[in-house]
Amino acid sequence: MANSRRELVSLIERGAIPPEQVTRAVQAAGLPPSPRAWAVFIDRLLLWLGGLALAFAVLFFVAYNWAEMGRWLRFGMVQAVMVLAVGIAVWSKATPMVKRVALTAASLLVGVLLALFGQVYQTGADTWQLFFTWAVLTLPWVWVARYELLWVLWLGLLNLTIGLYFRTWGGPFGILANSDAALWGLFGLNTLALATWEWGAHYRSWPRQWAVRLLALGSGVPITLLLLMWIVDAGLLSWPVVAIYPLWLAALYGVYRFWRPELFMIAGGCISLLTVVTLLLARVLLWEGEWQEGSLMLIAIAVLVMGAGAVVWLKRLHREMSL
């Protein structure tokens, strides 16, 4: 479907299809979803909403009736629903989609159970330990399911673990550490996950779809923030970003321009670079220079020129990738 849409867009942009025939060409290509496709979509949507609603309903029911429920009733209810979800997942007659929904609900209930345990017994554990334990306990289910949504959920737990850990302890370097350490941890984790996923997609037929793009955002946002922080105020842990950021941009362009063409990734790199250059201009012209109204006008013109140039370049790349 994606290839057909890309080819059709390429034909329309080249003028091979007259404007008055575009609607007919779209219908002939089979791009509009059929009634059966809509039925399948609605069926899966209701299935996912039902599974997620069940998991969150247990959480809110226990929280709302906390005073009226004993500790054994709280644990028993959460564990009973979790066992039910796992039982559906291992039921041989269940469809693959139902099994995935059940395992996702069971994974969410593990977090509910851990939060309940910490609240009842007041363990005094740090918040990051809850998310780390949650990720460790659900790893076997995620590995068995081999479903991209569960993998992204699991990676999200690790991201929260890293962020909360450095927020609690300040990093492994004691007094020398700062907020950069958490961003470096997120960048390293998500970049490694992105590289691993791309390797699996190329050699093991792992699904790419939206998960790879989400991991790319998880890699690009921290490294961009690190460079922005370096521009504002260079820190002890932020200076390597000056060397790593250009390498990251070059790798992003090389991989998603030649090895696996993907316009979304290159567009994200353009946004990151435009943001960095804009902040650099603001520091040079406004913070370190004399305050002048013309400096703001110059920055605005630079942003417009860079944005227009990026759009023109991306459109040309889109045409080349569509051939």
C-alpha atoms as a PDB file:
ATOM      1  CA  MET A   1       0.000   0.000   0.000  1.00  0.00           C
ATOM      2  CA  ALA A   2       2.803   2.432   0.880  1.00  0.00           C
ATOM      3  CA  ASN A   3       4.679   1.662  -2.343  1.00  0.00           C
ATOM      4  CA  SER A   4       1.530   2.132  -4.433  1.00  0.00           C
ATOM      5  CA  ARG A   5       0.813   5.467  -2.771  1.00  0.00           C
ATOM      6  CA  ARG A   6       4.410   6.614  -3.297  1.00  0.00           C
ATOM      7  CA  GLU A   7       4.352   5.634  -6.970  1.00  0.00           C
ATOM      8  CA  LEU A   8       1.022   7.376  -7.510  1.00  0.00           C
ATOM      9  CA  VAL A   9       2.270  10.574  -5.847  1.00  0.00           C
ATOM     10  CA  SER A  10       5.359  10.464  -8.063  1.00  0.00           C
ATOM     11  CA  LEU A  11       3.226  10.163 -11.194  1.00  0.00           C
ATOM     12  CA  ILE A  12       1.020  13.056 -10.114  1.00  0.00           C
ATOM     13  CA  GLU A  13       4.016  15.291  -9.351  1.00  0.00           C
ATOM     14  CA  ARG A  14       5.581  14.540 -12.744  1.00  0.00           C
ATOM     15  CA  GLY A  15       2.329  15.449 -14.477  1.00  0.00           C
ATOM     16  CA  ALA A  16       1.849  11.972 -15.912  1.00  0.00           C
ATOM     17  CA  ILE A  17      -1.728  11.966 -14.561  1.00  0.00           C
ATOM     18  CA  PRO A  18      -3.953  14.943 -15.490  1.00  0.00           C
ATOM     19  CA  PRO A  19      -5.478  16.774 -12.507  1.00  0.00           C
ATOM     20  CA  GLU A  20      -9.007  15.844 -13.547  1.00  0.00           C
ATOM     21  CA  GLN A  21      -8.064  12.134 -13.521  1.00  0.00           C
ATOM     22  CA  VAL A  22      -6.395  12.068 -10.079  1.00  0.00           C
ATOM     23  CA  THR A  23      -9.524  10.895  -8.234  1.00  0.00           C
ATOM     24  CA  ARG A  24     -10.114   8.126 -10.738  1.00  0.00           C
ATOM     25  CA  ALA A  25      -6.460   7.053 -10.527  1.00  0.00           C
ATOM     26  CA  VAL A  26      -6.619   6.883  -6.732  1.00  0.00           C
ATOM     27  CA  GLN A  27      -9.698   4.671  -6.891  1.00  0.00           C
ATOM     28  CA  ALA A  28      -8.160   2.474  -9.599  1.00  0.00           C
ATOM     29  CA  ALA A  29      -5.027   1.981  -7.472  1.00  0.00           C
ATOM     30  CA  GLY A  30      -7.142   0.670  -4.621  1.00  0.00           C
ATOM     31  CA  LEU A  31      -5.851   3.205  -2.085  1.00  0.00           C
ATOM     32  CA  PRO A  32      -9.218   4.057  -0.448  1.00  0.00           C
ATOM     33  CA  PRO A  33      -9.983   1.403   2.196  1.00  0.00           C
ATOM     34  CA  SER A  34     -12.693  -1.086   1.352  1.00  0.00           C
ATOM     35  CA  PRO A  35     -15.673  -1.775   3.658  1.00  0.00           C
ATOM     36  CA  ARG A  36     -13.930  -4.957   4.820  1.00  0.00           C
ATOM     37  CA  ALA A  37     -10.779  -2.994   5.658  1.00  0.00           C
ATOM     38  CA  TRP A  38     -12.856  -0.546   7.704  1.00  0.00           C
ATOM     39  CA  ALA A  39     -14.504  -3.457   9.524  1.00  0.00           C
ATOM     40  CA  VAL A  40     -11.128  -4.991  10.367  1.00  0.00           C
ATOM     41  CA  PHE A  41      -9.820  -1.624  11.576  1.00  0.00           C
ATOM     42  CA  ILE A  42     -12.831  -1.000  13.823  1.00  0.00           C
ATOM     43  CA  ASP A  43     -12.664  -4.557  15.168  1.00  0.00           C
ATOM     44  CA  ARG A  44      -8.985  -4.202  16.118  1.00  0.00           C
ATOM     45  CA  LEU A  45      -9.530  -0.721  17.531  1.00  0.00           C
ATOM     46  CA  LEU A  46     -12.307  -1.936  19.830  1.00  0.00           C
ATOM     47  CA  LEU A  47     -10.205  -4.948  20.827  1.00  0.00           C
ATOM     48  CA  TRP A  48      -7.266  -2.755  21.853  1.00  0.00           C
ATOM     49  CA  LEU A  49      -9.473  -0.236  23.627  1.00  0.00           C
ATOM     50  CA  GLY A  50     -11.155  -3.053  25.539  1.00  0.00           C
ATOM     51  CA  GLY A  51      -7.863  -4.620  26.613  1.00  0.00           C
ATOM     52  CA  LEU A  52      -6.365  -1.320  27.735  1.00  0.00           C
ATOM     53  CA  ALA A  53      -9.600  -0.306  29.475  1.00  0.00           C
ATOM     54  CA  LEU A  54      -9.563  -3.573  31.434  1.00  0.00           C
ATOM     55  CA  ALA A  55      -5.997  -3.007  32.643  1.00  0.00           C
ATOM     56  CA  PHE A  56      -6.602   0.599  33.688  1.00  0.00           C
ATOM     57  CA  ALA A  57      -9.990  -0.236  35.194  1.00  0.00           C
ATOM     58  CA  VAL A  58      -8.290  -2.560  37.681  1.00  0.00           C
ATOM     59  CA  LEU A  59      -5.893   0.225  38.672  1.00  0.00           C
ATOM     60  CA  PHE A  60      -8.617   2.838  39.189  1.00  0.00           C
ATOM     61  CA  PHE A  61     -10.957   0.394  40.945  1.00  0.00           C
ATOM     62  CA  VAL A  62      -8.320  -0.499  43.525  1.00  0.00           C
ATOM     63  CA  ALA A  63      -7.292   3.132  44.004  1.00  0.00           C
ATOM     64  CA  TYR A  64     -10.884   4.346  44.425  1.00  0.00           C
ATOM     65  CA  ASN A  65     -11.836   1.591  46.888  1.00  0.00           C
ATOM     66  CA  TRP A  66      -8.521   1.602  48.720  1.00  0.00           C
ATOM     67  CA  ALA A  67      -9.980   2.184  52.180  1.00  0.00           C
ATOM     68  CA  GLU A  68     -12.698  -0.470  51.816  1.00  0.00           C
ATOM     69  CA  MET A  69     -10.404  -3.212  50.463  1.00  0.00           C
ATOM     70  CA  GLY A  70      -7.919  -5.250  52.436  1.00  0.00           C
ATOM     71  CA  ARG A  71      -4.422  -5.897  51.179  1.00  0.00           C
ATOM     72  CA  TRP A  72      -5.197  -9.485  50.158  1.00  0.00           C
ATOM     73  CA  LEU A  73      -8.231  -8.413  48.175  1.00  0.00           C
ATOM     74  CA  ARG A  74      -6.185  -5.758  46.376  1.00  0.00           C
ATOM     75  CA  PHE A  75      -3.438  -8.181  45.442  1.00  0.00           C
ATOM     76  CA  GLY A  76      -5.918 -10.912  44.598  1.00  0.00           C
ATOM     77  CA  MET A  77      -7.890  -8.769  42.169  1.00  0.00           C
ATOM     78  CA  VAL A  78      -4.814  -7.539  40.281  1.00  0.00           C
ATOM     79  CA  GLN A  79      -3.268 -10.999  40.136  1.00  0.00           C
ATOM     80  CA  ALA A  80      -6.527 -12.639  39.040  1.00  0.00           C
ATOM     81  CA  VAL A  81      -6.889 -10.267  36.093  1.00  0.00           C
ATOM     82  CA  MET A  82      -3.212 -10.755  35.244  1.00  0.00           C
ATOM     83  CA  VAL A  83      -3.592 -14.546  35.257  1.00  0.00           C
ATOM     84  CA  LEU A  84      -6.688 -14.184  33.077  1.00  0.00           C
ATOM     85  CA  ALA A  85      -4.741 -12.075  30.559  1.00  0.00           C
ATOM     86  CA  VAL A  86      -1.832 -14.534  30.464  1.00  0.00           C
ATOM     87  CA  GLY A  87      -4.263 -17.422  30.101  1.00  0.00           C
ATOM     88  CA  ILE A  88      -5.834 -15.782  27.061  1.00  0.00           C
ATOM     89  CA  ALA A  89      -2.352 -15.192  25.614  1.00  0.00           C
ATOM     90  CA  VAL A  90      -1.397 -18.879  25.870  1.00  0.00           C
ATOM     91  CA  TRP A  91      -4.788 -20.147  24.716  1.00  0.00           C
ATOM     92  CA  SER A  92      -4.166 -21.972  21.463  1.00  0.00           C
ATOM     93  CA  LYS A  93      -7.493 -20.986  19.866  1.00  0.00           C
ATOM     94  CA  ALA A  94      -6.942 -17.255  20.373  1.00  0.00           C
ATOM     95  CA  THR A  95      -5.941 -15.221  17.323  1.00  0.00           C
ATOM     96  CA  PRO A  96      -2.461 -13.615  17.239  1.00  0.00           C
ATOM     97  CA  MET A  97      -3.963 -10.153  17.695  1.00  0.00           C
ATOM     98  CA  VAL A  98      -5.922 -11.261  20.777  1.00  0.00           C
ATOM     99  CA  LYS A  99      -2.748 -12.775  22.243  1.00  0.00           C
ATOM    100  CA  ARG A 100      -0.857  -9.538  21.691  1.00  0.00           C
ATOM    101  CA  VAL A 101      -3.583  -7.491  23.364  1.00  0.00           C
ATOM    102  CA  ALA A 102      -3.662  -9.904  26.299  1.00  0.00           C
ATOM    103  CA  LEU A 103       0.123  -9.781  26.773  1.00  0.00           C
ATOM    104  CA  THR A 104       0.073  -5.991  26.567  1.00  0.00           C
ATOM    105  CA  ALA A 105      -2.616  -5.836  29.251  1.00  0.00           C
ATOM    106  CA  ALA A 106      -0.668  -8.310  31.397  1.00  0.00           C
ATOM    107  CA  SER A 107       2.496  -6.203  31.024  1.00  0.00           C
ATOM    108  CA  LEU A 108       0.624  -3.103  32.195  1.00  0.00           C
ATOM    109  CA  LEU A 109      -0.787  -5.031  35.151  1.00  0.00           C
ATOM    110  CA  VAL A 110       2.746  -5.940  36.243  1.00  0.00           C
ATOM    111  CA  GLY A 111       3.365  -2.234  36.775  1.00  0.00           C
ATOM    112  CA  VAL A 112       0.091  -1.934  38.691  1.00  0.00           C
ATOM    113  CA  LEU A 113       1.119  -4.869  40.898  1.00  0.00           C
ATOM    114  CA  LEU A 114       4.549  -3.364  41.621  1.00  0.00           C
ATOM    115  CA  ALA A 115       3.032   0.012  42.469  1.00  0.00           C
ATOM    116  CA  LEU A 116       0.509  -1.714  44.732  1.00  0.00           C
ATOM    117  CA  PHE A 117       3.277  -3.646  46.481  1.00  0.00           C
ATOM    118  CA  GLY A 118       5.291  -0.503  47.129  1.00  0.00           C
ATOM    119  CA  GLN A 119       2.250   1.393  48.404  1.00  0.00           C
ATOM    120  CA  VAL A 120       1.038  -1.358  50.738  1.00  0.00           C
ATOM    121  CA  TYR A 121       4.384  -2.271  52.279  1.00  0.00           C
ATOM    122  CA  GLN A 122       6.053   1.152  51.959  1.00  0.00           C
ATOM    123  CA  THR A 123       9.336  -0.335  50.754  1.00  0.00           C
ATOM    124  CA  GLY A 124      10.995   3.057  50.437  1.00  0.00           C
ATOM    125  CA  ALA A 125      12.417   2.162  47.035  1.00  0.00           C
ATOM    126  CA  ASP A 126      13.204   4.895  44.556  1.00  0.00           C
ATOM    127  CA  THR A 127      10.847   5.409  41.640  1.00  0.00           C
ATOM    128  CA  TRP A 128      13.431   4.318  39.072  1.00  0.00           C
ATOM    129  CA  GLN A 129      13.647   0.903  40.729  1.00  0.00           C
ATOM    130  CA  LEU A 130       9.948   0.301  40.073  1.00  0.00           C
ATOM    131  CA  PHE A 131      10.296   0.930  36.344  1.00  0.00           C
ATOM    132  CA  PHE A 132      13.516  -1.077  36.141  1.00  0.00           C
ATOM    133  CA  THR A 133      11.914  -4.053  37.908  1.00  0.00           C
ATOM    134  CA  TRP A 134       8.875  -3.674  35.665  1.00  0.00           C
ATOM    135  CA  ALA A 135      11.090  -3.863  32.578  1.00  0.00           C
ATOM    136  CA  VAL A 136      12.992  -6.904  33.889  1.00  0.00           C
ATOM    137  CA  LEU A 137       9.850  -8.853  34.795  1.00  0.00           C
ATOM    138  CA  THR A 138       8.096  -8.203  31.491  1.00  0.00           C
ATOM    139  CA  LEU A 139      11.131  -8.912  29.300  1.00  0.00           C
ATOM    140  CA  PRO A 140      10.260 -12.644  28.840  1.00  0.00           C
ATOM    141  CA  TRP A 141       6.740 -11.763  27.661  1.00  0.00           C
ATOM    142  CA  VAL A 142       8.062  -9.095  25.318  1.00  0.00           C
ATOM    143  CA  TRP A 143      10.619 -11.523  23.896  1.00  0.00           C
ATOM    144  CA  VAL A 144       8.031 -14.244  23.357  1.00  0.00           C
ATOM    145  CA  ALA A 145       5.432 -11.920  21.821  1.00  0.00           C
ATOM    146  CA  ARG A 146       7.905 -10.322  19.351  1.00  0.00           C
ATOM    147  CA  TYR A 147       5.462  -7.469  18.887  1.00  0.00           C
ATOM    148  CA  GLU A 148       6.685  -3.951  18.133  1.00  0.00           C
ATOM    149  CA  LEU A 149       4.252  -2.233  20.502  1.00  0.00           C
ATOM    150  CA  LEU A 150       5.476  -4.284  23.459  1.00  0.00           C
ATOM    151  CA  TRP A 151       9.102  -3.667  22.507  1.00  0.00           C
ATOM    152  CA  VAL A 152       8.482   0.083  22.358  1.00  0.00           C
ATOM    153  CA  LEU A 153       6.670  -0.072  25.717  1.00  0.00           C
ATOM    154  CA  TRP A 154       9.620  -1.956  27.199  1.00  0.00           C
ATOM    155  CA  LEU A 155      12.099   0.573  25.816  1.00  0.00           C
ATOM    156  CA  GLY A 156       9.916   3.338  27.216  1.00  0.00           C
ATOM    157  CA  LEU A 157      10.278   1.769  30.660  1.00  0.00           C
ATOM    158  CA  LEU A 158      14.060   1.769  30.270  1.00  0.00           C
ATOM    159  CA  ASN A 159      13.972   5.421  29.199  1.00  0.00           C
ATOM    160  CA  LEU A 160      11.996   6.296  32.310  1.00  0.00           C
ATOM    161  CA  THR A 161      14.418   4.276  34.408  1.00  0.00           C
ATOM    162  CA  ILE A 162      17.422   6.189  33.089  1.00  0.00           C
ATOM    163  CA  GLY A 163      15.747   9.572  33.464  1.00  0.00           C
ATOM    164  CA  LEU A 164      14.567   8.896  37.011  1.00  0.00           C
ATOM    165  CA  TYR A 165      17.888   7.343  38.040  1.00  0.00           C
ATOM    166  CA  PHE A 166      19.945  10.383  37.095  1.00  0.00           C
ATOM    167  CA  ARG A 167      17.312  12.646  38.583  1.00  0.00           C
ATOM    168  CA  THR A 168      17.648  10.771  41.880  1.00  0.00           C
ATOM    169  CA  TRP A 169      21.382  10.215  42.082  1.00  0.00           C
ATOM    170  CA  GLY A 170      22.788  12.839  39.734  1.00  0.00           C
ATOM    171  CA  GLY A 171      24.896  10.440  37.699  1.00  0.00           C
ATOM    172  CA  PRO A 172      27.840   8.100  38.207  1.00  0.00           C
ATOM    173  CA  PHE A 173      30.394  10.923  38.508  1.00  0.00           C
ATOM    174  CA  GLY A 174      29.140  12.393  41.745  1.00  0.00           C
ATOM    175  CA  ILE A 175      29.595  16.137  42.045  1.00  0.00           C
ATOM    176  CA  LEU A 176      30.966  16.391  38.492  1.00  0.00           C
ATOM    177  CA  ALA A 177      27.741  15.096  36.993  1.00  0.00           C
ATOM    178  CA  ASN A 178      24.934  17.333  35.786  1.00  0.00           C
ATOM    179  CA  SER A 179      21.681  16.989  33.895  1.00  0.00           C
ATOM    180  CA  ASP A 180      23.614  16.094  30.729  1.00  0.00           C
ATOM    181  CA  ALA A 181      24.193  12.575  32.052  1.00  0.00           C
ATOM    182  CA  ALA A 182      20.529  11.614  31.684  1.00  0.00           C
ATOM    183  CA  LEU A 183      20.430  12.882  28.092  1.00  0.00           C
ATOM    184  CA  TRP A 184      23.598  10.959  27.257  1.00  0.00           C
ATOM    185  CA  GLY A 185      22.029   7.822  28.708  1.00  0.00           C
ATOM    186  CA  LEU A 186      18.824   8.289  26.699  1.00  0.00           C
ATOM    187  CA  PHE A 187      20.793   9.008  23.534  1.00  0.00           C
ATOM    188  CA  GLY A 188      22.954   5.907  23.963  1.00  0.00           C
ATOM    189  CA  LEU A 189      20.030   3.613  24.741  1.00  0.00           C
ATOM    190  CA  ASN A 190      17.778   4.787  21.919  1.00  0.00           C
ATOM    191  CA  THR A 191      20.588   4.907  19.355  1.00  0.00           C
ATOM    192  CA  LEU A 192      21.590   1.355  20.217  1.00  0.00           C
ATOM    193  CA  ALA A 193      17.949   0.273  20.028  1.00  0.00           C
ATOM    194  CA  LEU A 194      17.553   2.009  16.654  1.00  0.00           C
ATOM    195  CA  ALA A 195      20.668   0.353  15.218  1.00  0.00           C
ATOM    196  CA  THR A 196      19.580  -3.050  16.549  1.00  0.00           C
ATOM    197  CA  TRP A 197      16.070  -2.650  15.136  1.00  0.00           C
ATOM    198  CA  GLU A 198      17.388  -1.618  11.727  1.00  0.00           C
ATOM    199  CA  TRP A 199      19.713  -4.619  11.725  1.00  0.00           C
ATOM    200  CA  GLY A 200      16.818  -6.913  12.626  1.00  0.00           C
ATOM    201  CA  ALA A 201      14.589  -5.346   9.980  1.00  0.00           C
ATOM    202  CA  HIS A 202      17.259  -5.870   7.334  1.00  0.00           C
ATOM    203  CA  TYR A 203      18.419  -9.368   8.257  1.00  0.00           C
ATOM    204  CA  ARG A 204      15.553 -10.824  10.331  1.00  0.00           C
ATOM    205  CA  SER A 205      12.496  -9.200   8.693  1.00  0.00           C
ATOM    206  CA  TRP A 206      11.506  -7.268  11.795  1.00  0.00           C
ATOM    207  CA  PRO A 207       8.667  -4.795  11.147  1.00  0.00           C
ATOM    208  CA  ARG A 208       9.793  -1.181  10.751  1.00  0.00           C
ATOM    209  CA  GLN A 209       6.649   0.904  10.438  1.00  0.00           C
ATOM    210  CA  TRP A 210       6.246   3.526  13.167  1.00  0.00           C
ATOM    211  CA  ALA A 211       8.535   1.992  15.793  1.00  0.00           C
ATOM    212  CA  VAL A 212      11.763   2.872  13.966  1.00  0.00           C
ATOM    213  CA  ARG A 213      10.654   6.479  13.579  1.00  0.00           C
ATOM    214  CA  LEU A 214       9.837   6.694  17.264  1.00  0.00           C
ATOM    215  CA  LEU A 215      13.274   5.333  18.147  1.00  0.00           C
ATOM    216  CA  ALA A 216      14.852   7.862  15.795  1.00  0.00           C
ATOM    217  CA  LEU A 217      13.083  10.635  17.703  1.00  0.00           C
ATOM    218  CA  GLY A 218      14.344   9.113  20.943  1.00  0.00           C
ATOM    219  CA  SER A 219      17.863   9.300  19.562  1.00  0.00           C
ATOM    220  CA  GLY A 220      17.651  12.702  17.880  1.00  0.00           C
ATOM    221  CA  VAL A 221      15.937  14.723  20.604  1.00  0.00           C
ATOM    222  CA  PRO A 222      18.537  14.032  23.357  1.00  0.00           C
ATOM    223  CA  ILE A 223      21.570  14.711  21.150  1.00  0.00           C
ATOM    224  CA  THR A 224      19.967  17.921  19.896  1.00  0.00           C
ATOM    225  CA  LEU A 225      19.198  19.056  23.442  1.00  0.00           C
ATOM    226  CA  LEU A 226      22.768  18.264  24.464  1.00  0.00           C
ATOM    227  CA  LEU A 227      24.149  20.486  21.742  1.00  0.00           C
ATOM    228  CA  LEU A 228      21.684  23.255  22.607  1.00  0.00           C
ATOM    229  CA  MET A 229      22.794  23.055  26.239  1.00  0.00           C
ATOM    230  CA  TRP A 230      26.416  23.228  25.126  1.00  0.00           C
ATOM    231  CA  ILE A 231      25.680  26.357  23.103  1.00  0.00           C
ATOM    232  CA  VAL A 232      23.948  27.993  26.076  1.00  0.00           C
ATOM    233  CA  ASP A 233      26.463  26.918  28.722  1.00  0.00           C
ATOM    234  CA  ALA A 234      29.243  24.407  28.062  1.00  0.00           C
ATOM    235  CA  GLY A 235      29.461  21.777  30.803  1.00  0.00           C
ATOM    236  CA  LEU A 236      31.971  19.143  31.836  1.00  0.00           C
ATOM    237  CA  LEU A 237      30.007  16.304  30.279  1.00  0.00           C
ATOM    238  CA  SER A 238      28.667  18.162  27.257  1.00  0.00           C
ATOM    239  CA  TRP A 239      31.821  18.936  25.251  1.00  0.00           C
ATOM    240  CA  PRO A 240      31.918  15.536  23.411  1.00  0.00           C
ATOM    241  CA  VAL A 241      28.618  16.431  21.756  1.00  0.00           C
ATOM    242  CA  VAL A 242      30.490  18.853  19.479  1.00  0.00           C
ATOM    243  CA  ALA A 243      32.171  15.849  17.849  1.00  0.00           C
ATOM    244  CA  ILE A 244      29.355  13.323  18.181  1.00  0.00           C
ATOM    245  CA  TYR A 245      26.550  15.489  16.784  1.00  0.00           C
ATOM    246  CA  PRO A 246      28.086  15.884  13.281  1.00  0.00           C
ATOM    247  CA  LEU A 247      28.822  12.149  13.205  1.00  0.00           C
ATOM    248  CA  TRP A 248      25.199  11.443  14.154  1.00  0.00           C
ATOM    249  CA  LEU A 249      23.936  13.719  11.381  1.00  0.00           C
ATOM    250  CA  ALA A 250      26.290  12.121   8.833  1.00  0.00           C
ATOM    251  CA  ALA A 251      25.217   8.610   9.864  1.00  0.00           C
ATOM    252  CA  LEU A 252      21.538   9.602   9.725  1.00  0.00           C
ATOM    253  CA  TYR A 253      21.936  10.996   6.216  1.00  0.00           C
ATOM    254  CA  GLY A 254      24.050   8.100   4.951  1.00  0.00           C
ATOM    255  CA  VAL A 255      21.781   5.368   6.271  1.00  0.00           C
ATOM    256  CA  TYR A 256      18.427   6.895   5.347  1.00  0.00           C
ATOM    257  CA  ARG A 257      19.538   8.414   2.071  1.00  0.00           C
ATOM    258  CA  PHE A 258      21.467   5.535   0.492  1.00  0.00           C
ATOM    259  CA  TRP A 259      21.074   2.319   2.544  1.00  0.00           C
ATOM    260  CA  ARG A 260      17.353   2.582   3.388  1.00  0.00           C
ATOM    261  CA  PRO A 261      15.796   5.740   1.939  1.00  0.00           C
ATOM    262  CA  GLU A 262      13.450   7.342   4.468  1.00  0.00           C
ATOM    263  CA  LEU A 263      12.414  10.961   4.066  1.00  0.00           C
ATOM    264  CA  PHE A 264      11.027  11.230   7.602  1.00  0.00           C
ATOM    265  CA  MET A 265      14.440  10.597   9.149  1.00  0.00           C
ATOM    266  CA  ILE A 266      16.209  13.127   6.941  1.00  0.00           C
ATOM    267  CA  ALA A 267      13.504  15.714   7.655  1.00  0.00           C
ATOM    268  CA  GLY A 268      14.043  15.162  11.372  1.00  0.00           C
ATOM    269  CA  GLY A 269      17.763  15.765  10.907  1.00  0.00           C
ATOM    270  CA  CYS A 270      16.977  19.004   9.076  1.00  0.00           C
ATOM    271  CA  ILE A 271      14.763  20.216  11.927  1.00  0.00           C
ATOM    272  CA  SER A 272      17.488  19.397  14.425  1.00  0.00           C
ATOM    273  CA  LEU A 273      20.140  21.233  12.417  1.00  0.00           C
ATOM    274  CA  LEU A 274      17.910  24.279  11.886  1.00  0.00           C
ATOM    275  CA  THR A 275      17.229  24.470  15.623  1.00  0.00           C
ATOM    276  CA  VAL A 276      20.920  24.297  16.466  1.00  0.00           C
ATOM    277  CA  VAL A 277      21.928  26.915  13.897  1.00  0.00           C
ATOM    278  CA  THR A 278      19.144  29.269  15.034  1.00  0.00           C
ATOM    279  CA  LEU A 279      20.245  29.090  18.668  1.00  0.00           C
ATOM    280  CA  LEU A 280      23.872  29.568  17.637  1.00  0.00           C
ATOM    281  CA  LEU A 281      22.940  32.697  15.685  1.00  0.00           C
ATOM    282  CA  ALA A 282      20.959  33.973  18.659  1.00  0.00           C
ATOM    283  CA  ARG A 283      23.947  33.550  20.959  1.00  0.00           C
ATOM    284  CA  VAL A 284      26.378  35.234  18.570  1.00  0.00           C
ATOM    285  CA  LEU A 285      24.116  38.132  17.580  1.00  0.00           C
ATOM    286  CA  LEU A 286      22.099  38.725  20.750  1.00  0.00           C
ATOM    287  CA  TRP A 287      23.899  37.380  23.801  1.00  0.00           C
ATOM    288  CA  GLU A 288      27.518  38.088  22.952  1.00  0.00           C
ATOM    289  CA  GLY A 289      26.958  41.068  20.650  1.00  0.00           C
ATOM    290  CA  GLU A 290      25.240  44.383  21.107  1.00  0.00           C
ATOM    291  CA  TRP A 291      21.447  44.235  21.330  1.00  0.00           C
ATOM    292  CA  GLN A 292      19.962  45.580  18.136  1.00  0.00           C
ATOM    293  CA  GLU A 293      16.584  45.254  16.473  1.00  0.00           C
ATOM    294  CA  GLY A 294      18.333  44.356  13.231  1.00  0.00           C
ATOM    295  CA  SER A 295      19.753  41.235  14.874  1.00  0.00           C
ATOM    296  CA  LEU A 296      16.249  39.851  15.418  1.00  0.00           C
ATOM    297  CA  MET A 297      15.384  40.632  11.814  1.00  0.00           C
ATOM    298  CA  LEU A 298      18.542  38.891  10.632  1.00  0.00           C
ATOM    299  CA  ILE A 299      17.727  35.779  12.664  1.00  0.00           C
ATOM    300  CA  ALA A 300      14.167  35.730  11.312  1.00  0.00           C
ATOM    301  CA  ILE A 301      15.422  36.034   7.735  1.00  0.00           C
ATOM    302  CA  ALA A 302      17.969  33.274   8.349  1.00  0.00           C
ATOM    303  CA  VAL A 303      15.260  30.959   9.692  1.00  0.00           C
ATOM    304  CA  LEU A 304      13.030  31.632   6.678  1.00  0.00           C
ATOM    305  CA  VAL A 305      15.874  31.047   4.227  1.00  0.00           C
ATOM    306  CA  MET A 306      17.044  27.858   5.933  1.00  0.00           C
ATOM    307  CA  GLY A 307      13.496  26.535   6.208  1.00  0.00           C
ATOM    308  CA  ALA A 308      12.711  27.267   2.564  1.00  0.00           C
ATOM    309  CA  GLY A 309      15.978  25.692   1.454  1.00  0.00           C
ATOM    310  CA  ALA A 310      15.277  22.590   3.523  1.00  0.00           C
ATOM    311  CA  VAL A 311      11.780  22.253   2.032  1.00  0.00           C
ATOM    312  CA  VAL A 312      13.073  22.561  -1.537  1.00  0.00           C
ATOM    313  CA  TRP A 313      15.838  20.052  -0.871  1.00  0.00           C
ATOM    314  CA  LEU A 314      13.465  17.572   0.796  1.00  0.00           C
ATOM    315  CA  LYS A 315      11.012  17.801  -2.101  1.00  0.00           C
ATOM    316  CA  ARG A 316      13.810  17.026  -4.522  1.00  0.00           C
ATOM    317  CA  LEU A 317      14.888  14.060  -2.397  1.00  0.00           C
ATOM    318  CA  HIS A 318      11.289  12.860  -2.327  1.00  0.00           C
ATOM    319  CA  ARG A 319      11.140  12.841  -6.099  1.00  0.00           C
ATOM    320  CA  GLU A 320      14.435  10.982  -6.325  1.00  0.00           C
ATOM    321  CA  MET A 321      13.349   8.379  -3.758  1.00  0.00           C
ATOM    322  CA  SER A 322      10.044   7.855  -5.578  1.00  0.00           C
ATOM    323  CA  LEU A 323      11.736   6.906  -8.867  1.00  0.00           C
END
